[in-house]
Amino acid sequence: MTPTFGTVLRRWGLVFAVCAGAAASGIQVASHAQEMRGCFVRLTEVQQQRDALLAEYSRLLLERGTLSSYRHVGDMARARLSMRFPEDVTAVVRR
């Protein structure tokens, strides 16, 4: 028995549909892979920026610690504010 034209057409239609589905799936996989590569590049950039900011933050903490030391505060009070320790100290007694 030879297949009819309609049967052959349906088979070729099925083959075409399967091939089109496989091609669409392949394109989608490639698209997602490219998107993942882009996300990884962006993640790497953000991590490098975070590391640079953490290094700057550490330097700022060290600088703040240096500026807030007692010796430095006294030097700044004398140099910038012209402050001095009082020569006469008067004791106040509460009765």
N, C-alpha and C. Protein backbone atom coordinates (compact mmCIF):
# COMPACT_ATOMS: atom_id res chain seq x y z
N MET A 1 0.84 -1.17 0.00
CA MET A 1 0.00 0.00 0.00
C MET A 1 0.89 1.24 0.00
N THR A 2 0.64 2.14 -0.89
CA THR A 2 1.42 3.37 -0.99
C THR A 2 0.73 4.46 -0.19
N PRO A 3 1.56 5.29 0.47
CA PRO A 3 0.96 6.35 1.27
C PRO A 3 0.31 7.41 0.36
N THR A 4 -0.74 7.96 0.86
CA THR A 4 -1.44 9.00 0.09
C THR A 4 -0.73 10.33 0.26
N PHE A 5 -1.09 11.28 -0.57
CA PHE A 5 -0.47 12.59 -0.54
C PHE A 5 -0.71 13.27 0.81
N GLY A 6 -1.88 13.11 1.37
CA GLY A 6 -2.22 13.71 2.67
C GLY A 6 -1.37 13.14 3.79
N THR A 7 -1.10 11.85 3.76
CA THR A 7 -0.27 11.20 4.78
C THR A 7 1.16 11.70 4.69
N VAL A 8 1.69 11.80 3.48
CA VAL A 8 3.05 12.29 3.27
C VAL A 8 3.16 13.74 3.73
N LEU A 9 2.15 14.53 3.41
CA LEU A 9 2.14 15.94 3.80
C LEU A 9 2.12 16.08 5.32
N ARG A 10 1.34 15.26 6.00
CA ARG A 10 1.29 15.30 7.46
C ARG A 10 2.63 14.90 8.08
N ARG A 11 3.27 13.88 7.49
CA ARG A 11 4.57 13.46 8.01
C ARG A 11 5.60 14.57 7.86
N TRP A 12 5.62 15.20 6.67
CA TRP A 12 6.58 16.30 6.45
C TRP A 12 6.24 17.49 7.35
N GLY A 13 4.98 17.71 7.58
CA GLY A 13 4.57 18.78 8.50
C GLY A 13 5.05 18.50 9.91
N LEU A 14 4.94 17.23 10.32
CA LEU A 14 5.41 16.84 11.65
C LEU A 14 6.92 16.99 11.75
N VAL A 15 7.65 16.56 10.70
CA VAL A 15 9.11 16.70 10.69
C VAL A 15 9.49 18.17 10.75
N PHE A 16 8.81 19.01 9.97
CA PHE A 16 9.08 20.44 9.99
C PHE A 16 8.80 21.03 11.37
N ALA A 17 7.70 20.66 12.00
CA ALA A 17 7.35 21.18 13.32
C ALA A 17 8.40 20.78 14.36
N VAL A 18 8.87 19.54 14.29
CA VAL A 18 9.89 19.08 15.24
C VAL A 18 11.20 19.85 15.01
N CYS A 19 11.58 20.02 13.73
CA CYS A 19 12.82 20.77 13.43
C CYS A 19 12.69 22.23 13.86
N ALA A 20 11.54 22.85 13.63
CA ALA A 20 11.33 24.23 14.03
C ALA A 20 11.37 24.36 15.55
N GLY A 21 10.77 23.40 16.25
CA GLY A 21 10.83 23.41 17.72
C GLY A 21 12.25 23.26 18.24
N ALA A 22 13.02 22.37 17.60
CA ALA A 22 14.41 22.17 18.02
C ALA A 22 15.23 23.42 17.75
N ALA A 23 15.00 24.07 16.60
CA ALA A 23 15.73 25.30 16.28
C ALA A 23 15.37 26.41 17.26
N ALA A 24 14.11 26.56 17.56
CA ALA A 24 13.68 27.59 18.51
C ALA A 24 14.26 27.33 19.89
N SER A 25 14.29 26.07 20.28
CA SER A 25 14.87 25.72 21.58
C SER A 25 16.37 26.03 21.61
N GLY A 26 17.07 25.73 20.53
CA GLY A 26 18.50 26.01 20.44
C GLY A 26 18.78 27.51 20.51
N ILE A 27 17.97 28.30 19.81
CA ILE A 27 18.13 29.75 19.85
C ILE A 27 17.88 30.29 21.26
N GLN A 28 16.88 29.75 21.92
CA GLN A 28 16.57 30.18 23.28
C GLN A 28 17.71 29.83 24.24
N VAL A 29 18.29 28.66 24.10
CA VAL A 29 19.42 28.25 24.94
C VAL A 29 20.61 29.17 24.71
N ALA A 30 20.90 29.49 23.45
CA ALA A 30 22.01 30.39 23.14
C ALA A 30 21.76 31.78 23.71
N SER A 31 20.52 32.24 23.61
CA SER A 31 20.16 33.55 24.15
C SER A 31 20.34 33.60 25.66
N HIS A 32 19.90 32.57 26.35
CA HIS A 32 20.06 32.51 27.81
C HIS A 32 21.53 32.41 28.21
N ALA A 33 22.32 31.68 27.44
CA ALA A 33 23.75 31.57 27.73
C ALA A 33 24.42 32.93 27.59
N GLN A 34 24.07 33.68 26.56
CA GLN A 34 24.63 35.02 26.37
C GLN A 34 24.21 35.95 27.51
N GLU A 35 22.97 35.84 27.93
CA GLU A 35 22.48 36.65 29.05
C GLU A 35 23.23 36.31 30.34
N MET A 36 23.49 35.04 30.56
CA MET A 36 24.24 34.62 31.75
C MET A 36 25.67 35.16 31.71
N ARG A 37 26.30 35.13 30.54
CA ARG A 37 27.66 35.70 30.41
C ARG A 37 27.64 37.19 30.73
N GLY A 38 26.64 37.90 30.24
CA GLY A 38 26.52 39.33 30.54
C GLY A 38 26.32 39.58 32.02
N CYS A 39 25.50 38.76 32.66
CA CYS A 39 25.27 38.90 34.11
C CYS A 39 26.55 38.61 34.89
N PHE A 40 27.32 37.63 34.45
CA PHE A 40 28.57 37.31 35.14
C PHE A 40 29.58 38.44 35.01
N VAL A 41 29.65 39.05 33.83
CA VAL A 41 30.54 40.19 33.64
C VAL A 41 30.13 41.34 34.56
N ARG A 42 28.85 41.62 34.62
CA ARG A 42 28.34 42.70 35.49
C ARG A 42 28.62 42.37 36.96
N LEU A 43 28.44 41.11 37.36
CA LEU A 43 28.73 40.70 38.73
C LEU A 43 30.20 40.93 39.06
N THR A 44 31.09 40.58 38.14
CA THR A 44 32.52 40.78 38.35
C THR A 44 32.84 42.26 38.53
N GLU A 45 32.23 43.11 37.70
CA GLU A 45 32.45 44.56 37.81
C GLU A 45 31.97 45.07 39.16
N VAL A 46 30.80 44.64 39.59
CA VAL A 46 30.24 45.10 40.87
C VAL A 46 31.09 44.61 42.03
N GLN A 47 31.61 43.39 41.95
CA GLN A 47 32.48 42.88 43.01
C GLN A 47 33.78 43.68 43.09
N GLN A 48 34.33 44.06 41.94
CA GLN A 48 35.54 44.87 41.95
C GLN A 48 35.26 46.25 42.54
N GLN A 49 34.10 46.81 42.21
CA GLN A 49 33.72 48.10 42.78
C GLN A 49 33.53 47.98 44.29
N ARG A 50 32.92 46.89 44.74
CA ARG A 50 32.73 46.66 46.17
C ARG A 50 34.09 46.57 46.88
N ASP A 51 35.02 45.83 46.28
CA ASP A 51 36.35 45.69 46.89
C ASP A 51 37.05 47.04 47.00
N ALA A 52 36.93 47.86 45.95
CA ALA A 52 37.55 49.19 45.98
C ALA A 52 36.91 50.05 47.06
N LEU A 53 35.60 49.98 47.20
CA LEU A 53 34.91 50.77 48.23
C LEU A 53 35.27 50.29 49.63
N LEU A 54 35.41 48.98 49.81
CA LEU A 54 35.81 48.46 51.12
C LEU A 54 37.22 48.90 51.48
N ALA A 55 38.11 48.94 50.49
CA ALA A 55 39.48 49.40 50.74
C ALA A 55 39.47 50.87 51.13
N GLU A 56 38.67 51.68 50.43
CA GLU A 56 38.57 53.10 50.77
C GLU A 56 37.97 53.28 52.16
N TYR A 57 36.96 52.48 52.49
CA TYR A 57 36.33 52.56 53.81
C TYR A 57 37.35 52.23 54.91
N SER A 58 38.18 51.23 54.67
CA SER A 58 39.21 50.87 55.65
C SER A 58 40.19 52.03 55.84
N ARG A 59 40.59 52.66 54.73
CA ARG A 59 41.50 53.81 54.84
C ARG A 59 40.84 54.95 55.61
N LEU A 60 39.57 55.17 55.35
CA LEU A 60 38.86 56.24 56.06
C LEU A 60 38.73 55.94 57.55
N LEU A 61 38.52 54.68 57.90
CA LEU A 61 38.47 54.31 59.32
C LEU A 61 39.80 54.57 60.00
N LEU A 62 40.89 54.24 59.30
CA LEU A 62 42.23 54.51 59.86
C LEU A 62 42.44 56.02 60.03
N GLU A 63 42.03 56.79 59.04
CA GLU A 63 42.19 58.24 59.12
C GLU A 63 41.35 58.82 60.25
N ARG A 64 40.13 58.32 60.40
CA ARG A 64 39.27 58.80 61.50
C ARG A 64 39.89 58.46 62.84
N GLY A 65 40.44 57.26 62.96
CA GLY A 65 41.10 56.87 64.21
C GLY A 65 42.29 57.77 64.52
N THR A 66 43.03 58.13 63.47
CA THR A 66 44.18 59.01 63.66
C THR A 66 43.73 60.40 64.08
N LEU A 67 42.70 60.91 63.42
CA LEU A 67 42.23 62.27 63.73
C LEU A 67 41.58 62.36 65.10
N SER A 68 41.03 61.27 65.59
CA SER A 68 40.34 61.33 66.87
C SER A 68 41.24 60.97 68.05
N SER A 69 42.54 60.75 67.81
CA SER A 69 43.42 60.44 68.93
C SER A 69 43.58 61.67 69.80
N TYR A 70 43.81 61.47 71.10
CA TYR A 70 43.88 62.57 72.05
C TYR A 70 44.98 63.56 71.70
N ARG A 71 46.11 63.06 71.30
CA ARG A 71 47.23 63.95 70.98
C ARG A 71 46.86 64.86 69.82
N HIS A 72 46.23 64.30 68.81
CA HIS A 72 45.87 65.08 67.64
C HIS A 72 44.80 66.12 67.98
N VAL A 73 43.86 65.75 68.81
CA VAL A 73 42.80 66.69 69.20
C VAL A 73 43.41 67.88 69.94
N GLY A 74 44.36 67.62 70.83
CA GLY A 74 45.02 68.71 71.55
C GLY A 74 45.80 69.62 70.62
N ASP A 75 46.51 69.02 69.67
CA ASP A 75 47.27 69.83 68.71
C ASP A 75 46.35 70.69 67.86
N MET A 76 45.24 70.14 67.42
CA MET A 76 44.29 70.90 66.61
C MET A 76 43.65 72.02 67.42
N ALA A 77 43.35 71.75 68.69
CA ALA A 77 42.75 72.78 69.54
C ALA A 77 43.70 73.96 69.69
N ARG A 78 44.98 73.70 69.86
CA ARG A 78 45.95 74.79 69.98
C ARG A 78 46.18 75.50 68.64
N ALA A 79 46.33 74.75 67.56
CA ALA A 79 46.68 75.34 66.27
C ALA A 79 45.51 76.05 65.60
N ARG A 80 44.38 75.41 65.51
CA ARG A 80 43.26 75.97 64.74
C ARG A 80 42.35 76.86 65.57
N LEU A 81 42.16 76.51 66.83
CA LEU A 81 41.20 77.25 67.65
C LEU A 81 41.86 78.17 68.66
N SER A 82 43.18 78.19 68.67
CA SER A 82 43.95 79.02 69.61
C SER A 82 43.52 78.78 71.06
N MET A 83 43.24 77.54 71.38
CA MET A 83 42.86 77.20 72.74
C MET A 83 44.12 76.93 73.56
N ARG A 84 44.00 77.17 74.85
CA ARG A 84 45.13 76.89 75.74
C ARG A 84 44.58 76.40 77.07
N PHE A 85 45.43 75.75 77.80
CA PHE A 85 45.04 75.27 79.11
C PHE A 85 45.05 76.46 80.06
N PRO A 86 44.04 76.62 80.91
CA PRO A 86 43.99 77.79 81.79
C PRO A 86 45.14 77.78 82.78
N GLU A 87 45.70 79.00 83.01
CA GLU A 87 46.81 79.12 83.96
C GLU A 87 46.33 79.06 85.39
N ASP A 88 45.20 79.70 85.64
CA ASP A 88 44.66 79.68 87.00
C ASP A 88 43.46 78.74 87.04
N VAL A 89 43.57 77.79 87.92
CA VAL A 89 42.48 76.81 88.08
C VAL A 89 41.83 77.10 89.42
N THR A 90 40.54 77.33 89.42
CA THR A 90 39.81 77.63 90.63
C THR A 90 38.90 76.44 90.95
N ALA A 91 39.00 75.99 92.16
CA ALA A 91 38.18 74.87 92.59
C ALA A 91 36.82 75.39 93.01
N VAL A 92 35.78 74.73 92.58
CA VAL A 92 34.43 75.12 92.97
C VAL A 92 33.93 74.06 93.92
N VAL A 93 33.52 74.55 95.12
CA VAL A 93 33.05 73.64 96.16
C VAL A 93 31.57 73.88 96.36
N ARG A 94 30.82 72.85 96.37
CA ARG A 94 29.39 72.96 96.57
C ARG A 94 29.07 72.78 98.03
N ARG A 95 28.26 73.66 98.61
CA ARG A 95 27.94 73.56 100.04
C ARG A 95 26.54 73.11 100.23
